[in-house]
């Protein structure tokens, strides 16, 4: 479980054990700790912002905690649907999330669905809540992608660029975890700069989904084939298809909401 990850062009090399430490004989992985760190930092930010917007932090914690549980379940289901071979013929293996096999789009679908149901039950403004959580989603994704670095996984195709990454003296590959983390960081900066100038509820969230979808559509095509869940074998990945649909839906949503905002009341 120890990998040597290098960036030869930058003169950097790291020896990383995927296991951070053990508790009563149970291995605790860096991946889980990094994901948890991203979740906590995102929750702190969203809770702080909620107070300024007059939204109850109790609602924020409810959505975040239940959303986390639901998103883990749906992320696993999504992954298994498009890669049933990961179960090794045993349906009970579906619960072995500690062995990997979570799809971020599956998690987002579950989290968004949970938030919609919660907001309807509590009679909360759905689009305003979505705008509140959008920066938190990016914070979690910015940090969470470094879990892939710790696991030495989800890398791109071979390359000789200066910042190429090597794993255990392999040929250089694109460090996709870094690309996506930086893309999300740029998106977060843009949102933080302009979020106070938003013209209608939903503008921030649909910008986020458009931005993330565009990045994912491009970066997914750079992955090593073994890390792509194909809907059309060796041609189209499911995440590329979903990203494209999200981009189109986000554009239409932004146009519709802007027109509704500008239309006479």
C-alpha atoms as a PDB file:
ATOM      1  CA  UNK A   1       0.000   0.000   0.000  1.00  0.00           C
ATOM      2  CA  UNK A   2       3.056   2.241  -0.239  1.00  0.00           C
ATOM      3  CA  UNK A   3       3.535   4.177  -3.475  1.00  0.00           C
ATOM      4  CA  UNK A   4       6.275   6.455  -4.699  1.00  0.00           C
ATOM      5  CA  UNK A   5       4.788   9.397  -6.578  1.00  0.00           C
ATOM      6  CA  UNK A   6       7.133  11.681  -8.438  1.00  0.00           C
ATOM      7  CA  UNK A   7       7.024  14.846 -10.503  1.00  0.00           C
ATOM      8  CA  UNK A   8      10.322  14.412 -12.274  1.00  0.00           C
ATOM      9  CA  UNK A   9      10.163  17.654 -14.211  1.00  0.00           C
ATOM     10  CA  UNK A  10       9.716  19.574 -10.955  1.00  0.00           C
ATOM     11  CA  UNK A  11      12.261  17.568  -8.964  1.00  0.00           C
ATOM     12  CA  UNK A  12       9.646  16.306  -6.479  1.00  0.00           C
ATOM     13  CA  UNK A  13       9.099  12.810  -5.094  1.00  0.00           C
ATOM     14  CA  UNK A  14       6.785  11.539  -2.360  1.00  0.00           C
ATOM     15  CA  UNK A  15       6.575   8.134  -0.682  1.00  0.00           C
ATOM     16  CA  UNK A  16       3.011   7.703   0.529  1.00  0.00           C
ATOM     17  CA  UNK A  17       1.439   4.926   2.543  1.00  0.00           C
ATOM     18  CA  UNK A  18      -2.281   4.769   1.753  1.00  0.00           C
ATOM     19  CA  UNK A  19      -2.864   3.835   5.393  1.00  0.00           C
ATOM     20  CA  UNK A  20      -2.568   6.831   7.710  1.00  0.00           C
ATOM     21  CA  UNK A  21      -2.744   4.826  10.957  1.00  0.00           C
ATOM     22  CA  UNK A  22      -4.569   1.953  12.602  1.00  0.00           C
ATOM     23  CA  UNK A  23      -7.153   1.996  15.386  1.00  0.00           C
ATOM     24  CA  UNK A  24      -7.613  -1.310  17.242  1.00  0.00           C
ATOM     25  CA  UNK A  25      -6.250  -3.094  14.213  1.00  0.00           C
ATOM     26  CA  UNK A  26      -8.528  -1.258  11.771  1.00  0.00           C
ATOM     27  CA  UNK A  27      -6.722   0.589   8.982  1.00  0.00           C
ATOM     28  CA  UNK A  28      -7.631   4.248   8.528  1.00  0.00           C
ATOM     29  CA  UNK A  29      -6.855   5.470   5.022  1.00  0.00           C
ATOM     30  CA  UNK A  30      -5.629   8.904   4.021  1.00  0.00           C
ATOM     31  CA  UNK A  31      -8.360   8.956   1.373  1.00  0.00           C
ATOM     32  CA  UNK A  32     -11.096   8.826   4.004  1.00  0.00           C
ATOM     33  CA  UNK A  33      -9.379  11.439   6.176  1.00  0.00           C
ATOM     34  CA  UNK A  34      -8.958  13.810   3.235  1.00  0.00           C
ATOM     35  CA  UNK A  35     -12.603  13.433   2.210  1.00  0.00           C
ATOM     36  CA  UNK A  36     -13.679  14.027   5.807  1.00  0.00           C
ATOM     37  CA  UNK A  37     -11.448  17.103   6.039  1.00  0.00           C
ATOM     38  CA  UNK A  38     -13.006  18.546   2.893  1.00  0.00           C
ATOM     39  CA  UNK A  39     -16.485  17.881   4.248  1.00  0.00           C
ATOM     40  CA  UNK A  40     -15.754  19.562   7.589  1.00  0.00           C
ATOM     41  CA  UNK A  41     -14.141  22.660   6.059  1.00  0.00           C
ATOM     42  CA  UNK A  42     -16.998  22.987   3.567  1.00  0.00           C
ATOM     43  CA  UNK A  43     -19.551  22.635   6.370  1.00  0.00           C
ATOM     44  CA  UNK A  44     -17.811  25.306   8.455  1.00  0.00           C
ATOM     45  CA  UNK A  45     -17.861  27.713   5.520  1.00  0.00           C
ATOM     46  CA  UNK A  46     -21.503  27.058   4.603  1.00  0.00           C
ATOM     47  CA  UNK A  47     -22.616  27.347   8.239  1.00  0.00           C
ATOM     48  CA  UNK A  48     -20.836  30.695   8.581  1.00  0.00           C
ATOM     49  CA  UNK A  49     -22.383  31.984   5.353  1.00  0.00           C
ATOM     50  CA  UNK A  50     -25.828  30.729   6.364  1.00  0.00           C
ATOM     51  CA  UNK A  51     -25.824  32.949   9.462  1.00  0.00           C
ATOM     52  CA  UNK A  52     -25.169  36.000   7.303  1.00  0.00           C
ATOM     53  CA  UNK A  53     -28.088  35.049   5.044  1.00  0.00           C
ATOM     54  CA  UNK A  54     -30.496  34.384   7.900  1.00  0.00           C
ATOM     55  CA  UNK A  55     -30.659  30.637   7.279  1.00  0.00           C
ATOM     56  CA  UNK A  56     -30.738  28.305  10.283  1.00  0.00           C
ATOM     57  CA  UNK A  57     -27.517  26.388  10.856  1.00  0.00           C
ATOM     58  CA  UNK A  58     -29.685  23.485  12.066  1.00  0.00           C
ATOM     59  CA  UNK A  59     -31.032  23.191   8.527  1.00  0.00           C
ATOM     60  CA  UNK A  60     -27.510  23.386   7.130  1.00  0.00           C
ATOM     61  CA  UNK A  61     -26.287  20.569   9.373  1.00  0.00           C
ATOM     62  CA  UNK A  62     -29.348  18.433   8.593  1.00  0.00           C
ATOM     63  CA  UNK A  63     -28.872  18.784   4.842  1.00  0.00           C
ATOM     64  CA  UNK A  64     -25.106  18.269   5.055  1.00  0.00           C
ATOM     65  CA  UNK A  65     -25.163  15.191   7.293  1.00  0.00           C
ATOM     66  CA  UNK A  66     -28.101  13.445   5.625  1.00  0.00           C
ATOM     67  CA  UNK A  67     -26.741  14.486   2.250  1.00  0.00           C
ATOM     68  CA  UNK A  68     -23.394  12.891   3.087  1.00  0.00           C
ATOM     69  CA  UNK A  69     -25.041   9.588   3.997  1.00  0.00           C
ATOM     70  CA  UNK A  70     -27.285   9.541   0.937  1.00  0.00           C
ATOM     71  CA  UNK A  71     -24.493  10.639  -1.411  1.00  0.00           C
ATOM     72  CA  UNK A  72     -22.204   7.799  -0.297  1.00  0.00           C
ATOM     73  CA  UNK A  73     -24.993   5.303  -0.993  1.00  0.00           C
ATOM     74  CA  UNK A  74     -25.898   6.756  -4.400  1.00  0.00           C
ATOM     75  CA  UNK A  75     -22.235   7.184  -5.367  1.00  0.00           C
ATOM     76  CA  UNK A  76     -21.717   3.468  -4.762  1.00  0.00           C
ATOM     77  CA  UNK A  77     -24.909   2.456  -6.579  1.00  0.00           C
ATOM     78  CA  UNK A  78     -23.986   4.644  -9.560  1.00  0.00           C
ATOM     79  CA  UNK A  79     -20.538   3.056  -9.742  1.00  0.00           C
ATOM     80  CA  UNK A  80     -21.841  -0.497  -9.458  1.00  0.00           C
ATOM     81  CA  UNK A  81     -24.491   0.051 -12.144  1.00  0.00           C
ATOM     82  CA  UNK A  82     -21.845   0.980 -14.702  1.00  0.00           C
ATOM     83  CA  UNK A  83     -19.135  -1.374 -13.425  1.00  0.00           C
ATOM     84  CA  UNK A  84     -20.926  -4.443 -12.026  1.00  0.00           C
ATOM     85  CA  UNK A  85     -17.701  -6.428 -12.351  1.00  0.00           C
ATOM     86  CA  UNK A  86     -16.386  -4.657  -9.247  1.00  0.00           C
ATOM     87  CA  UNK A  87     -18.643  -6.912  -7.157  1.00  0.00           C
ATOM     88  CA  UNK A  88     -16.761 -10.055  -8.236  1.00  0.00           C
ATOM     89  CA  UNK A  89     -20.053 -11.900  -8.545  1.00  0.00           C
ATOM     90  CA  UNK A  90     -21.017 -11.284  -4.913  1.00  0.00           C
ATOM     91  CA  UNK A  91     -23.843  -8.784  -4.399  1.00  0.00           C
ATOM     92  CA  UNK A  92     -22.802  -8.324  -0.766  1.00  0.00           C
ATOM     93  CA  UNK A  93     -19.629  -6.611  -1.981  1.00  0.00           C
ATOM     94  CA  UNK A  94     -21.749  -3.578  -2.766  1.00  0.00           C
ATOM     95  CA  UNK A  95     -21.228  -2.413   0.834  1.00  0.00           C
ATOM     96  CA  UNK A  96     -17.424  -2.556   0.629  1.00  0.00           C
ATOM     97  CA  UNK A  97     -16.964   1.134  -0.074  1.00  0.00           C
ATOM     98  CA  UNK A  98     -13.658   1.081   1.821  1.00  0.00           C
ATOM     99  CA  UNK A  99     -12.195  -0.836  -1.126  1.00  0.00           C
ATOM    100  CA  UNK A 100     -13.012   2.047  -3.472  1.00  0.00           C
ATOM    101  CA  UNK A 101     -15.613   2.385  -6.195  1.00  0.00           C
ATOM    102  CA  UNK A 102     -17.499   5.636  -5.596  1.00  0.00           C
ATOM    103  CA  UNK A 103     -18.624   7.894  -8.457  1.00  0.00           C
ATOM    104  CA  UNK A 104     -18.825  11.602  -7.699  1.00  0.00           C
ATOM    105  CA  UNK A 105     -21.747  12.257 -10.029  1.00  0.00           C
ATOM    106  CA  UNK A 106     -23.712   9.552  -8.273  1.00  0.00           C
ATOM    107  CA  UNK A 107     -22.969  11.282  -4.987  1.00  0.00           C
ATOM    108  CA  UNK A 108     -24.043  14.675  -6.328  1.00  0.00           C
ATOM    109  CA  UNK A 109     -27.304  13.252  -7.641  1.00  0.00           C
ATOM    110  CA  UNK A 110     -28.080  11.806  -4.211  1.00  0.00           C
ATOM    111  CA  UNK A 111     -27.110  14.982  -2.352  1.00  0.00           C
ATOM    112  CA  UNK A 112     -29.188  17.223  -4.636  1.00  0.00           C
ATOM    113  CA  UNK A 113     -32.177  14.890  -4.397  1.00  0.00           C
ATOM    114  CA  UNK A 114     -31.963  14.827  -0.601  1.00  0.00           C
ATOM    115  CA  UNK A 115     -31.725  18.625  -0.464  1.00  0.00           C
ATOM    116  CA  UNK A 116     -34.818  19.030  -2.656  1.00  0.00           C
ATOM    117  CA  UNK A 117     -36.872  16.667  -0.487  1.00  0.00           C
ATOM    118  CA  UNK A 118     -35.665  18.337   2.726  1.00  0.00           C
ATOM    119  CA  UNK A 119     -36.384  21.859   1.469  1.00  0.00           C
ATOM    120  CA  UNK A 120     -39.879  20.898   0.355  1.00  0.00           C
ATOM    121  CA  UNK A 121     -40.658  19.310   3.714  1.00  0.00           C
ATOM    122  CA  UNK A 122     -39.277  22.276   5.661  1.00  0.00           C
ATOM    123  CA  UNK A 123     -40.700  24.822   3.184  1.00  0.00           C
ATOM    124  CA  UNK A 124     -37.271  26.321   2.528  1.00  0.00           C
ATOM    125  CA  UNK A 125     -36.371  28.240  -0.667  1.00  0.00           C
ATOM    126  CA  UNK A 126     -34.719  25.505  -2.725  1.00  0.00           C
ATOM    127  CA  UNK A 127     -32.683  27.659  -5.097  1.00  0.00           C
ATOM    128  CA  UNK A 128     -31.436  29.891  -2.277  1.00  0.00           C
ATOM    129  CA  UNK A 129     -30.300  26.818  -0.350  1.00  0.00           C
ATOM    130  CA  UNK A 130     -28.597  25.448  -3.460  1.00  0.00           C
ATOM    131  CA  UNK A 131     -26.731  28.735  -3.905  1.00  0.00           C
ATOM    132  CA  UNK A 132     -25.649  28.571  -0.267  1.00  0.00           C
ATOM    133  CA  UNK A 133     -24.191  25.077  -0.644  1.00  0.00           C
ATOM    134  CA  UNK A 134     -22.525  25.527  -4.072  1.00  0.00           C
ATOM    135  CA  UNK A 135     -19.243  26.999  -2.722  1.00  0.00           C
ATOM    136  CA  UNK A 136     -19.168  24.232  -0.105  1.00  0.00           C
ATOM    137  CA  UNK A 137     -19.435  21.591  -2.813  1.00  0.00           C
ATOM    138  CA  UNK A 138     -16.439  23.106  -4.580  1.00  0.00           C
ATOM    139  CA  UNK A 139     -14.446  23.275  -1.335  1.00  0.00           C
ATOM    140  CA  UNK A 140     -15.130  19.602  -0.705  1.00  0.00           C
ATOM    141  CA  UNK A 141     -14.151  18.676  -4.253  1.00  0.00           C
ATOM    142  CA  UNK A 142     -10.984  20.783  -4.218  1.00  0.00           C
ATOM    143  CA  UNK A 143      -9.745  19.014  -1.098  1.00  0.00           C
ATOM    144  CA  UNK A 144     -11.275  15.628  -1.822  1.00  0.00           C
ATOM    145  CA  UNK A 145      -9.422  15.149  -5.101  1.00  0.00           C
ATOM    146  CA  UNK A 146      -6.172  14.945  -3.132  1.00  0.00           C
ATOM    147  CA  UNK A 147      -7.485  11.666  -1.779  1.00  0.00           C
ATOM    148  CA  UNK A 148      -6.855  10.288  -5.273  1.00  0.00           C
ATOM    149  CA  UNK A 149      -3.275  11.536  -5.007  1.00  0.00           C
ATOM    150  CA  UNK A 150      -2.845   9.656  -1.711  1.00  0.00           C
ATOM    151  CA  UNK A 151      -4.256   6.540  -3.354  1.00  0.00           C
ATOM    152  CA  UNK A 152      -2.126   6.965  -6.501  1.00  0.00           C
ATOM    153  CA  UNK A 153      -5.230   6.579  -8.656  1.00  0.00           C
ATOM    154  CA  UNK A 154      -7.403   8.273 -11.283  1.00  0.00           C
ATOM    155  CA  UNK A 155      -4.564   9.616 -13.372  1.00  0.00           C
ATOM    156  CA  UNK A 156      -4.445  10.593 -17.017  1.00  0.00           C
ATOM    157  CA  UNK A 157      -2.820   9.290 -20.130  1.00  0.00           C
ATOM    158  CA  UNK A 158       0.921   9.231 -20.728  1.00  0.00           C
ATOM    159  CA  UNK A 159       2.606  12.582 -21.302  1.00  0.00           C
ATOM    160  CA  UNK A 160       5.995  14.290 -21.215  1.00  0.00           C
ATOM    161  CA  UNK A 161       4.823  17.689 -19.910  1.00  0.00           C
ATOM    162  CA  UNK A 162       6.991  19.338 -17.257  1.00  0.00           C
ATOM    163  CA  UNK A 163       4.547  18.547 -14.437  1.00  0.00           C
ATOM    164  CA  UNK A 164       4.022  14.905 -15.446  1.00  0.00           C
ATOM    165  CA  UNK A 165       3.416  12.471 -12.601  1.00  0.00           C
ATOM    166  CA  UNK A 166       5.036   9.072 -12.186  1.00  0.00           C
ATOM    167  CA  UNK A 167       3.799   6.272  -9.946  1.00  0.00           C
ATOM    168  CA  UNK A 168       6.342   3.718  -8.767  1.00  0.00           C
ATOM    169  CA  UNK A 169       8.734   4.703 -11.582  1.00  0.00           C
ATOM    170  CA  UNK A 170       6.058   4.381 -14.268  1.00  0.00           C
ATOM    171  CA  UNK A 171       5.976   6.509 -17.403  1.00  0.00           C
ATOM    172  CA  UNK A 172       4.799  10.090 -16.904  1.00  0.00           C
ATOM    173  CA  UNK A 173       1.035  10.672 -16.850  1.00  0.00           C
ATOM    174  CA  UNK A 174      -1.251  13.662 -16.511  1.00  0.00           C
ATOM    175  CA  UNK A 175      -2.022  14.387 -12.805  1.00  0.00           C
ATOM    176  CA  UNK A 176      -5.778  14.661 -13.285  1.00  0.00           C
ATOM    177  CA  UNK A 177      -6.421  15.004  -9.562  1.00  0.00           C
ATOM    178  CA  UNK A 178      -4.414  18.238  -9.661  1.00  0.00           C
ATOM    179  CA  UNK A 179      -6.108  19.517 -12.818  1.00  0.00           C
ATOM    180  CA  UNK A 180      -9.568  19.022 -11.368  1.00  0.00           C
ATOM    181  CA  UNK A 181      -8.609  20.455  -7.992  1.00  0.00           C
ATOM    182  CA  UNK A 182      -7.214  23.604  -9.639  1.00  0.00           C
ATOM    183  CA  UNK A 183     -10.211  23.896 -11.978  1.00  0.00           C
ATOM    184  CA  UNK A 184     -12.551  23.747  -9.004  1.00  0.00           C
ATOM    185  CA  UNK A 185     -10.404  26.270  -7.117  1.00  0.00           C
ATOM    186  CA  UNK A 186     -10.724  28.713 -10.008  1.00  0.00           C
ATOM    187  CA  UNK A 187     -14.490  28.159 -10.036  1.00  0.00           C
ATOM    188  CA  UNK A 188     -14.647  28.805  -6.293  1.00  0.00           C
ATOM    189  CA  UNK A 189     -12.691  32.057  -6.647  1.00  0.00           C
ATOM    190  CA  UNK A 190     -15.071  33.246  -9.365  1.00  0.00           C
ATOM    191  CA  UNK A 191     -18.112  32.412  -7.229  1.00  0.00           C
ATOM    192  CA  UNK A 192     -16.719  34.124  -4.129  1.00  0.00           C
ATOM    193  CA  UNK A 193     -15.974  37.270  -6.142  1.00  0.00           C
ATOM    194  CA  UNK A 194     -19.365  37.520  -7.801  1.00  0.00           C
ATOM    195  CA  UNK A 195     -21.805  35.794  -5.432  1.00  0.00           C
ATOM    196  CA  UNK A 196     -22.842  39.059  -3.738  1.00  0.00           C
ATOM    197  CA  UNK A 197     -23.771  40.416  -7.156  1.00  0.00           C
ATOM    198  CA  UNK A 198     -26.078  37.553  -8.097  1.00  0.00           C
ATOM    199  CA  UNK A 199     -29.281  38.693  -9.760  1.00  0.00           C
ATOM    200  CA  UNK A 200     -31.519  35.739  -8.922  1.00  0.00           C
ATOM    201  CA  UNK A 201     -31.617  32.644  -6.742  1.00  0.00           C
ATOM    202  CA  UNK A 202     -30.121  29.635  -8.486  1.00  0.00           C
ATOM    203  CA  UNK A 203     -27.527  31.659 -10.401  1.00  0.00           C
ATOM    204  CA  UNK A 204     -24.633  30.494  -8.228  1.00  0.00           C
ATOM    205  CA  UNK A 205     -25.646  26.847  -8.164  1.00  0.00           C
ATOM    206  CA  UNK A 206     -26.218  26.568 -11.910  1.00  0.00           C
ATOM    207  CA  UNK A 207     -22.951  28.378 -12.598  1.00  0.00           C
ATOM    208  CA  UNK A 208     -21.298  25.797 -10.352  1.00  0.00           C
ATOM    209  CA  UNK A 209     -22.928  22.872 -12.174  1.00  0.00           C
ATOM    210  CA  UNK A 210     -22.036  24.390 -15.554  1.00  0.00           C
ATOM    211  CA  UNK A 211     -18.438  25.040 -14.488  1.00  0.00           C
ATOM    212  CA  UNK A 212     -17.924  21.635 -12.910  1.00  0.00           C
ATOM    213  CA  UNK A 213     -19.608  19.876 -15.817  1.00  0.00           C
ATOM    214  CA  UNK A 214     -17.356  21.616 -18.352  1.00  0.00           C
ATOM    215  CA  UNK A 215     -14.234  20.632 -16.439  1.00  0.00           C
ATOM    216  CA  UNK A 216     -15.382  17.074 -15.986  1.00  0.00           C
ATOM    217  CA  UNK A 217     -16.367  16.707 -19.644  1.00  0.00           C
ATOM    218  CA  UNK A 218     -12.845  17.658 -20.733  1.00  0.00           C
ATOM    219  CA  UNK A 219     -10.841  15.881 -18.034  1.00  0.00           C
ATOM    220  CA  UNK A 220     -12.793  12.618 -18.214  1.00  0.00           C
ATOM    221  CA  UNK A 221     -11.552  12.125 -21.754  1.00  0.00           C
ATOM    222  CA  UNK A 222      -7.940  12.339 -20.511  1.00  0.00           C
ATOM    223  CA  UNK A 223      -8.279   9.463 -18.041  1.00  0.00           C
ATOM    224  CA  UNK A 224      -6.641   6.101 -18.339  1.00  0.00           C
ATOM    225  CA  UNK A 225      -9.302   3.788 -19.859  1.00  0.00           C
ATOM    226  CA  UNK A 226      -9.414   1.559 -16.758  1.00  0.00           C
ATOM    227  CA  UNK A 227     -10.748   4.502 -14.757  1.00  0.00           C
ATOM    228  CA  UNK A 228     -13.561   5.336 -17.191  1.00  0.00           C
ATOM    229  CA  UNK A 229     -17.037   3.877 -16.690  1.00  0.00           C
ATOM    230  CA  UNK A 230     -18.151   3.461 -20.289  1.00  0.00           C
ATOM    231  CA  UNK A 231     -21.715   3.743 -21.534  1.00  0.00           C
ATOM    232  CA  UNK A 232     -20.409   3.029 -25.047  1.00  0.00           C
ATOM    233  CA  UNK A 233     -17.267   0.849 -24.680  1.00  0.00           C
ATOM    234  CA  UNK A 234     -14.054   2.724 -25.479  1.00  0.00           C
ATOM    235  CA  UNK A 235     -16.026   5.626 -26.968  1.00  0.00           C
ATOM    236  CA  UNK A 236     -18.164   7.481 -24.431  1.00  0.00           C
ATOM    237  CA  UNK A 237     -17.876   7.486 -20.654  1.00  0.00           C
ATOM    238  CA  UNK A 238     -21.007   7.798 -18.552  1.00  0.00           C
ATOM    239  CA  UNK A 239     -19.504  10.765 -16.695  1.00  0.00           C
ATOM    240  CA  UNK A 240     -18.902  12.530 -20.017  1.00  0.00           C
ATOM    241  CA  UNK A 241     -22.509  11.953 -21.018  1.00  0.00           C
ATOM    242  CA  UNK A 242     -23.793  13.147 -17.639  1.00  0.00           C
ATOM    243  CA  UNK A 243     -21.473  16.174 -17.721  1.00  0.00           C
ATOM    244  CA  UNK A 244     -22.758  17.149 -21.172  1.00  0.00           C
ATOM    245  CA  UNK A 245     -26.378  16.834 -20.010  1.00  0.00           C
ATOM    246  CA  UNK A 246     -25.589  18.880 -16.881  1.00  0.00           C
ATOM    247  CA  UNK A 247     -24.004  21.631 -18.997  1.00  0.00           C
ATOM    248  CA  UNK A 248     -27.040  21.876 -21.278  1.00  0.00           C
ATOM    249  CA  UNK A 249     -29.492  21.767 -18.359  1.00  0.00           C
ATOM    250  CA  UNK A 250     -27.522  24.449 -16.489  1.00  0.00           C
ATOM    251  CA  UNK A 251     -27.496  26.779 -19.493  1.00  0.00           C
ATOM    252  CA  UNK A 252     -31.248  26.413 -19.963  1.00  0.00           C
ATOM    253  CA  UNK A 253     -31.841  26.905 -16.222  1.00  0.00           C
ATOM    254  CA  UNK A 254     -29.774  30.105 -16.168  1.00  0.00           C
ATOM    255  CA  UNK A 255     -31.575  31.483 -19.230  1.00  0.00           C
ATOM    256  CA  UNK A 256     -34.991  30.586 -17.810  1.00  0.00           C
ATOM    257  CA  UNK A 257     -34.297  32.055 -14.367  1.00  0.00           C
ATOM    258  CA  UNK A 258     -32.837  35.240 -15.842  1.00  0.00           C
ATOM    259  CA  UNK A 259     -35.880  35.721 -18.088  1.00  0.00           C
ATOM    260  CA  UNK A 260     -38.215  35.077 -15.163  1.00  0.00           C
ATOM    261  CA  UNK A 261     -36.306  37.630 -13.092  1.00  0.00           C
ATOM    262  CA  UNK A 262     -36.551  40.261 -15.837  1.00  0.00           C
ATOM    263  CA  UNK A 263     -40.168  39.615 -16.770  1.00  0.00           C
ATOM    264  CA  UNK A 264     -42.856  42.027 -15.474  1.00  0.00           C
ATOM    265  CA  UNK A 265     -44.395  40.864 -12.221  1.00  0.00           C
END
